[in-house]
Amino acid sequence: MEWKDYADYGPEDFLADDYFAEWVLRPGRENEAFWTQWQQQYPERKPMVEEARRILLSLEYARDEMPVESYDRIWSVLSDEMMQPAAAADRSGRKWPYVLAAAVITGVLALAAVWFFRKEAPTFIYASEYGEKRNLVLPDSSEVVLAPHSSLRVGRFGDKREVWLEGEAYFSIRHQPGKAVPFTVHSRSLDIDVLGTSFNVNNYNGNTQVVLHSGKVSLRQGEKVVVMRPGELVEFEAEAQEYRQREVKPEPYTSWVKGIMSFEDTRLDTVAQRLYYQYGVNIVFEDAGLAGERFSATLPEANLQVVITALKEAFGLQVRKEDNNTFVFSRIPVE
């Protein structure tokens, strides 16, 4: 396809863009690669991308929880208002579409709130920022550690326990004595069913990776069910609709819970992605061949500079900081 120039887009423009919405709601290998690269090229636009992304996820959440006709009616009325070409800017120079986009969000979410109240089904949403972990205790006393730049929506617990994850989290699920009450974690691409166990779920990039520490879980995607044992890792690639299952040491995948960043024979492009979600920084490799290099280290999670220095020393690289959140790595020229 012919790529658009998104350099001048604001949140309201991203909200109206089909390719942006596809990346947020139906991420795949191609659109994930494009938007990751675009944010590295325009780091100053990242806050707008994040704002638009959160809005779309909130709207999708509202659509899932309310009657279709109610959602469609309010969305139709308010989106028509948002697209009005007249009065494109007020006297201060601000674009009205952004204000109207806020009206759409407020209207849809307000109606969703009324719907939740009528159903008497309270829902809680927890979110973490870059560099922030959150320790949560759920209504059933299960415990969750929410990784940076992640969110967890918790539904009403009763005959079933359901949560919806964006990003990464470590779960310690409490078994309900005297009865089997299933616990389900919904990720973007599959569902994880458990009774009592501890495991890590990562679905930052649209694919889902599950590492089982103890107990037993089953993964569901359509008609396909995969049962996991402790010490196994399962990756589900959303675009290819494929599972990959193998035995691993769980510790490197769960060390972040204890404030440790652990890499074990990890590709540098994967390390870069991890640093982006952890700290909100862009890592750029001027030599494309560096992305495939492998890195092993155990480092304190709280200190970004220690991680940057470790990468620099491990491969004999030089690094320069181009702005507040972009680090460019390159090989040292041979004289």
Protein backbone atom coordinates (compact mmCIF):
# COMPACT_ATOMS: atom_id res chain seq x y z
CA MET A 1 0.00 0.00 0.00
CA GLU A 2 0.99 3.65 -0.37
CA TRP A 3 1.90 5.04 3.05
CA LYS A 4 0.45 8.34 4.22
CA ASP A 5 2.50 11.16 5.67
CA TYR A 6 1.37 11.19 9.30
CA ALA A 7 3.90 13.81 10.42
CA ASP A 8 1.27 16.53 10.96
CA TYR A 9 -1.44 14.32 12.45
CA GLY A 10 -3.05 15.17 15.77
CA PRO A 11 -5.08 12.80 17.99
CA GLU A 12 -8.30 13.55 16.09
CA ASP A 13 -6.62 12.67 12.77
CA PHE A 14 -5.34 9.36 14.08
CA LEU A 15 -8.81 8.54 15.40
CA ALA A 16 -10.25 8.90 11.89
CA ASP A 17 -7.50 6.90 10.17
CA ASP A 18 -8.32 3.29 9.21
CA TYR A 19 -4.72 2.06 9.19
CA PHE A 20 -4.09 3.48 12.66
CA ALA A 21 -7.29 1.85 13.95
CA GLU A 22 -6.27 -1.46 12.39
CA TRP A 23 -2.93 -1.35 14.25
CA VAL A 24 -4.58 -0.55 17.59
CA LEU A 25 -7.45 -3.04 17.37
CA ARG A 26 -6.07 -5.76 15.05
CA PRO A 27 -2.27 -5.59 15.32
CA GLY A 28 -0.17 -7.66 12.94
CA ARG A 29 3.44 -7.98 11.87
CA GLU A 30 3.22 -5.37 9.08
CA ASN A 31 1.34 -2.60 10.88
CA GLU A 32 3.30 -3.15 14.11
CA ALA A 33 6.57 -2.74 12.21
CA PHE A 34 5.32 0.39 10.45
CA TRP A 35 4.07 2.20 13.57
CA THR A 36 7.11 1.24 15.64
CA GLN A 37 9.40 2.65 12.94
CA TRP A 38 7.22 5.75 12.52
CA GLN A 39 7.35 6.55 16.24
CA GLN A 40 11.11 6.17 16.18
CA GLN A 41 11.25 8.63 13.28
CA TYR A 42 8.88 11.12 14.94
CA PRO A 43 9.38 10.66 18.71
CA GLU A 44 7.79 14.04 19.43
CA ARG A 45 4.46 12.67 18.09
CA LYS A 46 4.44 9.70 20.47
CA PRO A 47 2.21 11.39 23.10
CA MET A 48 -0.43 12.03 20.44
CA VAL A 49 -0.22 8.44 19.22
CA GLU A 50 -0.62 7.16 22.78
CA GLU A 51 -3.57 9.46 23.45
CA ALA A 52 -5.36 8.36 20.28
CA ARG A 53 -4.57 4.71 21.02
CA ARG A 54 -6.07 4.91 24.52
CA ILE A 55 -9.17 6.63 23.14
CA LEU A 56 -9.72 3.91 20.54
CA LEU A 57 -9.29 1.16 23.13
CA SER A 58 -11.78 2.92 25.42
CA LEU A 59 -14.29 3.20 22.59
CA GLU A 60 -13.81 -0.46 21.69
CA TYR A 61 -14.34 -1.34 25.35
CA ALA A 62 -17.58 0.67 25.42
CA ARG A 63 -18.81 -1.01 22.24
CA ASP A 64 -18.20 -4.46 23.73
CA GLU A 65 -20.19 -3.68 26.87
CA MET A 66 -23.25 -1.79 25.63
CA PRO A 67 -26.14 -2.61 23.24
CA VAL A 68 -25.08 -2.29 19.62
CA GLU A 69 -27.94 0.03 18.70
CA SER A 70 -27.10 2.40 21.57
CA TYR A 71 -23.44 2.57 20.68
CA ASP A 72 -24.12 3.02 16.96
CA ARG A 73 -26.67 5.77 17.59
CA ILE A 74 -24.47 7.96 19.75
CA TRP A 75 -21.37 7.30 17.65
CA SER A 76 -23.22 8.26 14.45
CA VAL A 77 -24.50 11.55 15.87
CA LEU A 78 -21.26 12.63 17.48
CA SER A 79 -18.94 11.50 14.69
CA ASP A 80 -21.05 13.50 12.22
CA GLU A 81 -20.41 16.52 14.41
CA MET A 82 -16.69 15.74 14.55
CA MET A 83 -16.44 15.71 10.76
CA GLN A 84 -18.08 19.12 10.21
CA PRO A 85 -15.65 21.09 7.99
CA ALA A 86 -16.89 24.52 9.05
CA ALA A 87 -15.27 26.40 11.91
CA ALA A 88 -12.06 24.40 11.42
CA ALA A 89 -10.28 26.55 13.96
CA ASP A 90 -11.29 28.85 16.76
CA ARG A 91 -9.70 32.19 17.52
CA SER A 92 -6.86 30.59 19.43
CA GLY A 93 -5.95 28.53 16.36
CA ARG A 94 -6.94 25.20 17.87
CA LYS A 95 -8.70 22.73 15.62
CA TRP A 96 -12.29 22.02 16.58
CA PRO A 97 -12.17 18.37 15.51
CA TYR A 98 -10.08 17.62 18.58
CA VAL A 99 -12.67 19.23 20.84
CA LEU A 100 -15.40 17.30 19.09
CA ALA A 101 -13.40 14.10 19.34
CA ALA A 102 -13.40 14.64 23.08
CA ALA A 103 -17.18 15.06 22.90
CA VAL A 104 -17.49 11.72 21.12
CA ILE A 105 -15.42 10.01 23.78
CA THR A 106 -17.32 11.65 26.62
CA GLY A 107 -20.67 10.78 25.08
CA VAL A 108 -19.92 7.15 24.33
CA LEU A 109 -18.25 6.47 27.66
CA ALA A 110 -21.02 8.26 29.55
CA LEU A 111 -23.61 6.05 27.89
CA ALA A 112 -21.44 3.03 28.66
CA ALA A 113 -21.31 4.09 32.31
CA VAL A 114 -25.11 4.29 32.43
CA TRP A 115 -25.30 0.83 30.90
CA PHE A 116 -22.87 -0.59 33.47
CA PHE A 117 -24.85 1.00 36.30
CA ARG A 118 -28.10 -0.47 35.05
CA LYS A 119 -26.47 -3.90 34.83
CA GLU A 120 -25.04 -3.47 38.36
CA ALA A 121 -21.74 -4.81 37.03
CA PRO A 122 -18.95 -2.52 38.24
CA THR A 123 -15.79 -2.59 36.18
CA PHE A 124 -12.40 -1.31 37.25
CA ILE A 125 -9.56 -0.27 34.96
CA TYR A 126 -6.00 -0.09 36.25
CA ALA A 127 -3.23 1.46 34.17
CA SER A 128 0.50 2.02 34.56
CA GLU A 129 2.77 4.57 32.93
CA TYR A 130 6.26 4.18 31.47
CA GLY A 131 8.68 3.11 34.21
CA GLU A 132 5.85 2.30 36.65
CA LYS A 133 4.80 -1.09 38.05
CA ARG A 134 1.56 -1.56 39.96
CA ASN A 135 0.76 -4.26 42.53
CA LEU A 136 -2.93 -5.14 42.45
CA VAL A 137 -5.12 -7.31 44.68
CA LEU A 138 -8.27 -8.49 42.89
CA PRO A 139 -11.67 -9.06 44.57
CA ASP A 140 -10.92 -12.81 44.95
CA SER A 141 -7.53 -12.02 46.62
CA SER A 142 -5.61 -13.03 43.50
CA GLU A 143 -2.55 -10.84 42.99
CA VAL A 144 -1.35 -9.12 39.82
CA VAL A 145 1.82 -7.19 39.10
CA LEU A 146 1.10 -4.84 36.20
CA ALA A 147 4.14 -4.07 34.04
CA PRO A 148 4.94 -0.54 32.79
CA HIS A 149 2.76 0.92 30.02
CA SER A 150 0.00 -1.65 30.59
CA SER A 151 -3.65 -1.75 31.59
CA LEU A 152 -5.97 -4.30 33.19
CA ARG A 153 -9.76 -4.19 33.10
CA VAL A 154 -11.41 -6.22 35.86
CA GLY A 155 -15.02 -7.32 35.50
CA ARG A 156 -17.44 -8.28 38.24
CA PHE A 157 -16.41 -11.53 39.96
CA GLY A 158 -19.08 -14.14 40.67
CA ASP A 159 -19.67 -17.43 38.88
CA LYS A 160 -16.73 -16.47 36.69
CA ARG A 161 -13.68 -14.25 37.01
CA GLU A 162 -12.59 -12.29 33.94
CA VAL A 163 -9.93 -9.66 33.24
CA TRP A 164 -8.74 -7.99 30.03
CA LEU A 165 -5.03 -7.23 29.60
CA GLU A 166 -3.20 -4.73 27.40
CA GLY A 167 0.58 -4.97 27.79
CA GLU A 168 2.17 -7.33 30.32
CA ALA A 169 1.33 -8.68 33.77
CA TYR A 170 2.28 -11.43 36.21
CA PHE A 171 -0.68 -13.27 37.75
CA SER A 172 -0.89 -15.28 40.98
CA ILE A 173 -4.40 -16.70 40.87
CA ARG A 174 -6.04 -17.78 44.11
CA HIS A 175 -8.00 -21.03 44.02
CA GLN A 176 -11.54 -20.67 45.35
CA PRO A 177 -12.04 -23.24 48.17
CA GLY A 178 -14.97 -25.59 47.79
CA LYS A 179 -15.81 -24.60 44.23
CA ALA A 180 -14.21 -24.34 40.81
CA VAL A 181 -14.58 -20.75 39.64
CA PRO A 182 -12.67 -20.33 36.38
CA PHE A 183 -10.40 -17.33 35.95
CA THR A 184 -9.95 -16.02 32.39
CA VAL A 185 -7.39 -13.53 31.13
CA HIS A 186 -8.40 -12.04 27.78
CA SER A 187 -5.51 -10.79 25.64
CA ARG A 188 -5.76 -9.24 22.18
CA SER A 189 -5.37 -12.56 20.40
CA LEU A 190 -6.43 -15.37 22.77
CA ASP A 191 -7.98 -16.30 26.13
CA ILE A 192 -6.15 -17.94 29.05
CA ASP A 193 -8.21 -20.14 31.41
CA VAL A 194 -6.90 -21.06 34.89
CA LEU A 195 -8.07 -22.28 38.29
CA GLY A 196 -5.13 -21.59 40.60
CA THR A 197 -1.66 -20.87 39.27
CA SER A 198 1.01 -18.24 38.57
CA PHE A 199 2.03 -17.15 35.08
CA ASN A 200 3.23 -14.22 32.98
CA VAL A 201 1.33 -12.79 30.00
CA ASN A 202 2.88 -10.41 27.45
CA ASN A 203 0.84 -9.03 24.55
CA TYR A 204 2.48 -5.66 23.97
CA ASN A 205 2.87 -6.14 20.20
CA GLY A 206 -0.45 -7.81 19.46
CA ASN A 207 0.93 -11.33 19.68
CA THR A 208 0.54 -13.14 23.01
CA GLN A 209 3.30 -14.86 24.99
CA VAL A 210 2.47 -16.90 28.10
CA VAL A 211 5.06 -18.35 30.50
CA LEU A 212 3.70 -20.75 33.13
CA HIS A 213 5.48 -20.72 36.49
CA SER A 214 3.23 -23.11 38.42
CA GLY A 215 -0.13 -24.85 38.11
CA LYS A 216 -1.95 -25.43 34.84
CA VAL A 217 -3.53 -23.20 32.21
CA SER A 218 -5.23 -23.67 28.88
CA LEU A 219 -5.12 -21.21 25.99
CA ARG A 220 -8.09 -20.72 23.68
CA GLN A 221 -8.21 -19.16 20.24
CA GLY A 222 -11.26 -20.12 18.25
CA GLU A 223 -11.56 -23.91 18.31
CA LYS A 224 -7.88 -24.45 19.11
CA VAL A 225 -6.96 -25.21 22.75
CA VAL A 226 -3.39 -25.57 24.05
CA VAL A 227 -2.72 -26.91 27.56
CA MET A 228 0.45 -25.72 29.29
CA ARG A 229 2.62 -27.28 31.99
CA PRO A 230 4.97 -25.44 34.39
CA GLY A 231 8.19 -24.36 32.72
CA GLU A 232 6.61 -23.96 29.29
CA LEU A 233 6.34 -20.91 27.05
CA VAL A 234 3.67 -20.56 24.39
CA GLU A 235 3.69 -17.79 21.80
CA PHE A 236 0.66 -17.12 19.63
CA GLU A 237 1.28 -15.09 16.47
CA ALA A 238 -1.97 -13.30 15.69
CA GLU A 239 -1.31 -12.64 12.00
CA ALA A 240 -0.26 -16.21 11.15
CA GLN A 241 -2.69 -17.75 13.68
CA GLU A 242 0.09 -20.08 14.84
CA TYR A 243 1.19 -21.42 18.24
CA ARG A 244 4.81 -22.07 19.22
CA GLN A 245 5.38 -24.06 22.41
CA ARG A 246 8.70 -24.84 24.13
CA GLU A 247 10.30 -25.45 27.52
CA VAL A 248 12.05 -22.49 29.18
CA LYS A 249 13.34 -21.29 32.52
CA PRO A 250 10.52 -19.01 33.73
CA GLU A 251 12.80 -16.71 35.75
CA PRO A 252 14.13 -14.55 32.87
CA TYR A 253 10.53 -13.88 31.78
CA THR A 254 9.27 -12.98 35.26
CA SER A 255 12.30 -11.24 36.81
CA TRP A 256 10.79 -7.82 36.02
CA VAL A 257 8.34 -8.44 38.88
CA LYS A 258 11.32 -8.18 41.28
CA GLY A 259 12.77 -5.12 39.57
CA ILE A 260 15.30 -7.03 37.48
CA MET A 261 15.61 -6.88 33.70
CA SER A 262 16.84 -10.24 32.45
CA PHE A 263 17.87 -11.13 28.90
CA GLU A 264 18.93 -14.60 27.81
CA ASP A 265 20.27 -14.89 24.25
CA THR A 266 17.80 -12.16 23.22
CA ARG A 267 17.93 -10.41 19.84
CA LEU A 268 18.79 -6.72 20.10
CA ASP A 269 15.65 -5.65 18.25
CA THR A 270 13.67 -7.48 20.95
CA VAL A 271 15.75 -5.76 23.63
CA ALA A 272 14.94 -2.42 21.97
CA GLN A 273 11.23 -3.20 22.01
CA ARG A 274 11.43 -4.14 25.70
CA LEU A 275 13.15 -0.84 26.53
CA TYR A 276 10.49 1.06 24.61
CA TYR A 277 7.67 -0.45 26.66
CA GLN A 278 9.62 -0.20 29.93
CA TYR A 279 10.99 3.34 29.66
CA GLY A 280 9.29 4.92 26.64
CA VAL A 281 12.62 5.34 24.81
CA ASN A 282 13.47 4.61 21.19
CA ILE A 283 16.56 2.52 20.44
CA VAL A 284 17.90 2.96 16.90
CA PHE A 285 20.61 0.78 15.32
CA GLU A 286 22.38 2.58 12.46
CA ASP A 287 23.82 -0.75 11.30
CA ALA A 288 20.84 -2.96 10.47
CA GLY A 289 22.93 -6.05 11.20
CA LEU A 290 23.05 -5.13 14.88
CA ALA A 291 19.36 -5.88 15.31
CA GLY A 292 20.01 -9.61 14.99
CA GLU A 293 22.87 -9.74 17.51
CA ARG A 294 22.18 -11.70 20.71
CA PHE A 295 22.41 -10.26 24.22
CA SER A 296 22.47 -11.94 27.66
CA ALA A 297 22.52 -9.95 30.90
CA THR A 298 20.79 -9.44 34.24
CA LEU A 299 20.44 -5.74 35.07
CA PRO A 300 18.63 -3.48 37.56
CA GLU A 301 15.38 -2.40 35.95
CA ALA A 302 15.25 0.99 37.65
CA ASN A 303 18.35 2.40 35.93
CA LEU A 304 18.05 2.98 32.18
CA GLN A 305 21.60 4.30 31.93
CA VAL A 306 22.99 1.01 33.26
CA VAL A 307 21.14 -0.86 30.50
CA ILE A 308 22.39 1.57 27.82
CA THR A 309 25.98 1.22 29.07
CA ALA A 310 25.73 -2.58 29.18
CA LEU A 311 24.61 -2.69 25.53
CA LYS A 312 27.37 -0.30 24.54
CA GLU A 313 30.12 -2.29 26.29
CA ALA A 314 28.86 -5.75 25.29
CA PHE A 315 29.16 -5.03 21.57
CA GLY A 316 31.85 -2.34 21.52
CA LEU A 317 29.43 0.30 20.24
CA GLN A 318 29.17 4.05 20.46
CA VAL A 319 25.91 5.69 21.44
CA ARG A 320 24.55 9.18 21.07
CA LYS A 321 21.39 10.69 22.49
CA GLU A 322 19.43 12.58 19.83
CA ASP A 323 16.63 13.89 22.03
CA ASN A 324 15.08 13.12 25.38
CA ASN A 325 14.01 9.62 24.41
CA THR A 326 16.09 8.41 21.43
CA PHE A 327 19.41 6.56 21.68
CA VAL A 328 21.31 5.78 18.48
CA PHE A 329 23.81 2.89 18.54
CA SER A 330 26.50 2.50 15.89
CA ARG A 331 29.70 0.54 15.41
CA ILE A 332 32.95 2.32 16.24
CA PRO A 333 34.72 3.13 12.94
CA VAL A 334 37.89 1.13 12.30
CA GLU A 335 40.82 3.48 11.70
